[in-house]
Amino acid sequence: MCPLCNAIEQRKSGTPGHPKLYQEGNPKRGRSPSGEAITTTHYRCKVCGTKWTYENDKKNDRAGWSASEPVR
């Protein structure tokens, strides 16, 4: 991961990404097991290629950013 990606705080709701992330596809809306609305959006870093998912779930403090390995 690049330094920008390393600075993203993962699995904490409400934390920011960074300006070199671009959105891939449209956000997906769904429901949590408890019935709360969730929006999931996929991003990729223009610098290092790391894939990111942002889960917007106001009732889950562990929602937020999660990364997968960069594409080589």
N, C-alpha and C. Protein backbone atom coordinates (compact mmCIF):
# COMPACT_ATOMS: atom_id res chain seq x y z
N MET A 1 0.84 -1.20 0.00
CA MET A 1 0.00 0.00 0.00
C MET A 1 0.87 1.24 0.00
N CYS A 2 0.35 2.27 -0.63
CA CYS A 2 1.04 3.56 -0.64
C CYS A 2 0.84 4.25 0.73
N PRO A 3 1.61 5.29 1.02
CA PRO A 3 1.44 6.00 2.29
C PRO A 3 0.04 6.58 2.50
N LEU A 4 -0.62 7.02 1.42
CA LEU A 4 -1.98 7.54 1.54
C LEU A 4 -2.94 6.45 2.02
N CYS A 5 -2.82 5.26 1.44
CA CYS A 5 -3.69 4.15 1.85
C CYS A 5 -3.36 3.68 3.26
N ASN A 6 -2.08 3.64 3.60
CA ASN A 6 -1.70 3.23 4.95
C ASN A 6 -2.26 4.15 6.02
N ALA A 7 -2.54 5.39 5.67
CA ALA A 7 -3.06 6.36 6.63
C ALA A 7 -4.56 6.22 6.88
N ILE A 8 -5.27 5.46 6.05
CA ILE A 8 -6.71 5.29 6.24
C ILE A 8 -6.96 4.39 7.45
N GLU A 9 -7.79 4.87 8.36
CA GLU A 9 -8.16 4.09 9.52
C GLU A 9 -9.28 3.12 9.13
N GLN A 10 -8.98 1.83 9.21
CA GLN A 10 -9.93 0.82 8.77
C GLN A 10 -10.87 0.41 9.89
N ARG A 11 -12.05 -0.02 9.47
CA ARG A 11 -13.08 -0.56 10.37
C ARG A 11 -13.46 0.37 11.51
N LYS A 12 -13.57 1.65 11.16
CA LYS A 12 -14.06 2.64 12.12
C LYS A 12 -14.98 3.58 11.35
N SER A 13 -16.22 3.57 11.68
CA SER A 13 -17.22 4.33 10.97
C SER A 13 -16.91 5.82 10.97
N GLY A 14 -17.09 6.46 9.80
CA GLY A 14 -16.95 7.90 9.67
C GLY A 14 -15.55 8.40 9.37
N THR A 15 -14.56 7.52 9.23
CA THR A 15 -13.21 7.99 8.94
C THR A 15 -13.06 8.31 7.45
N PRO A 16 -12.20 9.27 7.12
CA PRO A 16 -12.05 9.67 5.71
C PRO A 16 -11.17 8.72 4.92
N GLY A 17 -11.33 8.75 3.60
CA GLY A 17 -10.44 8.05 2.68
C GLY A 17 -9.29 8.97 2.34
N HIS A 18 -8.92 9.05 1.06
CA HIS A 18 -7.93 10.02 0.62
C HIS A 18 -8.26 10.46 -0.80
N PRO A 19 -7.68 11.58 -1.26
CA PRO A 19 -8.09 12.17 -2.54
C PRO A 19 -7.71 11.36 -3.78
N LYS A 20 -6.86 10.37 -3.68
CA LYS A 20 -6.46 9.58 -4.84
C LYS A 20 -7.31 8.32 -5.02
N LEU A 21 -8.38 8.18 -4.24
CA LEU A 21 -9.31 7.06 -4.41
C LEU A 21 -10.36 7.45 -5.44
N TYR A 22 -10.69 6.52 -6.32
CA TYR A 22 -11.79 6.77 -7.25
C TYR A 22 -12.81 5.66 -7.12
N GLN A 23 -14.06 6.03 -7.30
CA GLN A 23 -15.17 5.10 -7.14
C GLN A 23 -15.26 4.17 -8.34
N GLU A 24 -15.46 2.88 -8.06
CA GLU A 24 -15.67 1.88 -9.10
C GLU A 24 -17.11 1.40 -9.03
N GLY A 25 -17.87 1.69 -10.05
CA GLY A 25 -19.27 1.24 -10.09
C GLY A 25 -20.17 2.10 -9.21
N ASN A 26 -21.40 1.67 -9.12
CA ASN A 26 -22.40 2.40 -8.34
C ASN A 26 -22.48 1.83 -6.93
N PRO A 27 -22.84 2.66 -5.97
CA PRO A 27 -23.04 2.16 -4.60
C PRO A 27 -24.16 1.12 -4.59
N LYS A 28 -24.01 0.15 -3.69
CA LYS A 28 -25.03 -0.90 -3.53
C LYS A 28 -25.74 -0.68 -2.20
N ARG A 29 -27.04 -0.65 -2.28
CA ARG A 29 -27.83 -0.45 -1.06
C ARG A 29 -28.41 -1.79 -0.62
N GLY A 30 -28.44 -1.97 0.68
CA GLY A 30 -28.97 -3.20 1.23
C GLY A 30 -29.43 -2.98 2.66
N ARG A 31 -29.64 -4.07 3.36
CA ARG A 31 -30.09 -4.04 4.76
C ARG A 31 -29.21 -4.95 5.60
N SER A 32 -28.94 -4.50 6.82
CA SER A 32 -28.21 -5.32 7.78
C SER A 32 -29.16 -6.41 8.29
N PRO A 33 -28.64 -7.40 9.00
CA PRO A 33 -29.53 -8.42 9.58
C PRO A 33 -30.60 -7.84 10.49
N SER A 34 -30.32 -6.68 11.10
CA SER A 34 -31.30 -6.04 11.98
C SER A 34 -32.28 -5.15 11.22
N GLY A 35 -32.10 -5.04 9.89
CA GLY A 35 -33.02 -4.27 9.07
C GLY A 35 -32.58 -2.84 8.80
N GLU A 36 -31.43 -2.44 9.29
CA GLU A 36 -30.93 -1.08 9.06
C GLU A 36 -30.41 -0.93 7.63
N ALA A 37 -30.55 0.26 7.07
CA ALA A 37 -30.06 0.54 5.71
C ALA A 37 -28.53 0.60 5.70
N ILE A 38 -27.92 -0.03 4.70
CA ILE A 38 -26.47 -0.05 4.52
C ILE A 38 -26.18 0.31 3.07
N THR A 39 -25.15 1.13 2.86
CA THR A 39 -24.66 1.42 1.51
C THR A 39 -23.21 0.98 1.44
N THR A 40 -22.87 0.20 0.41
CA THR A 40 -21.52 -0.28 0.20
C THR A 40 -21.00 0.29 -1.12
N THR A 41 -19.83 0.93 -1.07
CA THR A 41 -19.24 1.54 -2.26
C THR A 41 -17.81 1.04 -2.42
N HIS A 42 -17.43 0.71 -3.66
CA HIS A 42 -16.09 0.20 -3.94
C HIS A 42 -15.23 1.29 -4.57
N TYR A 43 -13.97 1.32 -4.15
CA TYR A 43 -13.00 2.32 -4.62
C TYR A 43 -11.70 1.62 -4.99
N ARG A 44 -10.86 2.33 -5.74
CA ARG A 44 -9.50 1.88 -6.04
C ARG A 44 -8.57 3.08 -5.93
N CYS A 45 -7.36 2.83 -5.45
CA CYS A 45 -6.36 3.88 -5.32
C CYS A 45 -5.63 4.07 -6.65
N LYS A 46 -5.55 5.31 -7.10
CA LYS A 46 -4.84 5.63 -8.35
C LYS A 46 -3.32 5.48 -8.19
N VAL A 47 -2.82 5.51 -6.96
CA VAL A 47 -1.38 5.44 -6.72
C VAL A 47 -0.89 3.99 -6.68
N CYS A 48 -1.52 3.15 -5.85
CA CYS A 48 -1.00 1.80 -5.63
C CYS A 48 -1.93 0.68 -6.11
N GLY A 49 -3.16 1.01 -6.48
CA GLY A 49 -4.08 0.00 -6.99
C GLY A 49 -4.85 -0.77 -5.93
N THR A 50 -4.68 -0.41 -4.67
CA THR A 50 -5.41 -1.11 -3.61
C THR A 50 -6.91 -0.93 -3.80
N LYS A 51 -7.64 -2.02 -3.66
CA LYS A 51 -9.11 -1.99 -3.71
C LYS A 51 -9.62 -1.72 -2.30
N TRP A 52 -10.58 -0.82 -2.22
CA TRP A 52 -11.20 -0.46 -0.95
C TRP A 52 -12.70 -0.63 -1.04
N THR A 53 -13.31 -0.97 0.09
CA THR A 53 -14.76 -0.99 0.23
C THR A 53 -15.11 -0.08 1.39
N TYR A 54 -16.10 0.79 1.17
CA TYR A 54 -16.60 1.62 2.26
C TYR A 54 -18.03 1.19 2.54
N GLU A 55 -18.27 0.78 3.79
CA GLU A 55 -19.61 0.38 4.22
C GLU A 55 -20.16 1.47 5.12
N ASN A 56 -21.27 2.06 4.70
CA ASN A 56 -21.93 3.11 5.46
C ASN A 56 -23.09 2.49 6.22
N ASP A 57 -22.88 2.27 7.51
CA ASP A 57 -23.89 1.67 8.38
C ASP A 57 -23.85 2.44 9.70
N LYS A 58 -24.79 3.33 9.90
CA LYS A 58 -24.78 4.22 11.06
C LYS A 58 -24.89 3.48 12.39
N LYS A 59 -25.40 2.27 12.39
CA LYS A 59 -25.58 1.51 13.63
C LYS A 59 -24.40 0.60 13.94
N ASN A 60 -23.38 0.56 13.07
CA ASN A 60 -22.25 -0.34 13.25
C ASN A 60 -20.96 0.48 13.35
N ASP A 61 -20.39 0.54 14.55
CA ASP A 61 -19.15 1.30 14.76
C ASP A 61 -17.97 0.69 14.02
N ARG A 62 -18.06 -0.57 13.60
CA ARG A 62 -16.96 -1.25 12.91
C ARG A 62 -17.12 -1.18 11.39
N ALA A 63 -18.16 -0.50 10.92
CA ALA A 63 -18.29 -0.27 9.48
C ALA A 63 -17.25 0.76 9.07
N GLY A 64 -17.14 1.04 7.81
CA GLY A 64 -16.17 2.02 7.33
C GLY A 64 -15.32 1.41 6.24
N TRP A 65 -14.03 1.75 6.22
CA TRP A 65 -13.12 1.30 5.17
C TRP A 65 -12.56 -0.08 5.46
N SER A 66 -12.44 -0.88 4.40
CA SER A 66 -11.70 -2.14 4.48
C SER A 66 -10.97 -2.32 3.15
N ALA A 67 -9.74 -2.81 3.23
CA ALA A 67 -8.88 -2.91 2.05
C ALA A 67 -8.65 -4.36 1.69
N SER A 68 -8.44 -4.57 0.38
CA SER A 68 -7.95 -5.85 -0.10
C SER A 68 -6.59 -5.61 -0.71
N GLU A 69 -5.90 -6.62 -1.12
CA GLU A 69 -4.55 -6.48 -1.66
C GLU A 69 -4.55 -5.70 -2.97
N PRO A 70 -3.49 -4.94 -3.22
CA PRO A 70 -3.39 -4.24 -4.50
C PRO A 70 -3.25 -5.20 -5.67
N VAL A 71 -3.76 -4.80 -6.80
CA VAL A 71 -3.64 -5.60 -8.02
C VAL A 71 -2.26 -5.38 -8.60
N ARG A 72 -1.56 -6.42 -8.94
CA ARG A 72 -0.22 -6.31 -9.52
C ARG A 72 -0.24 -6.68 -10.97
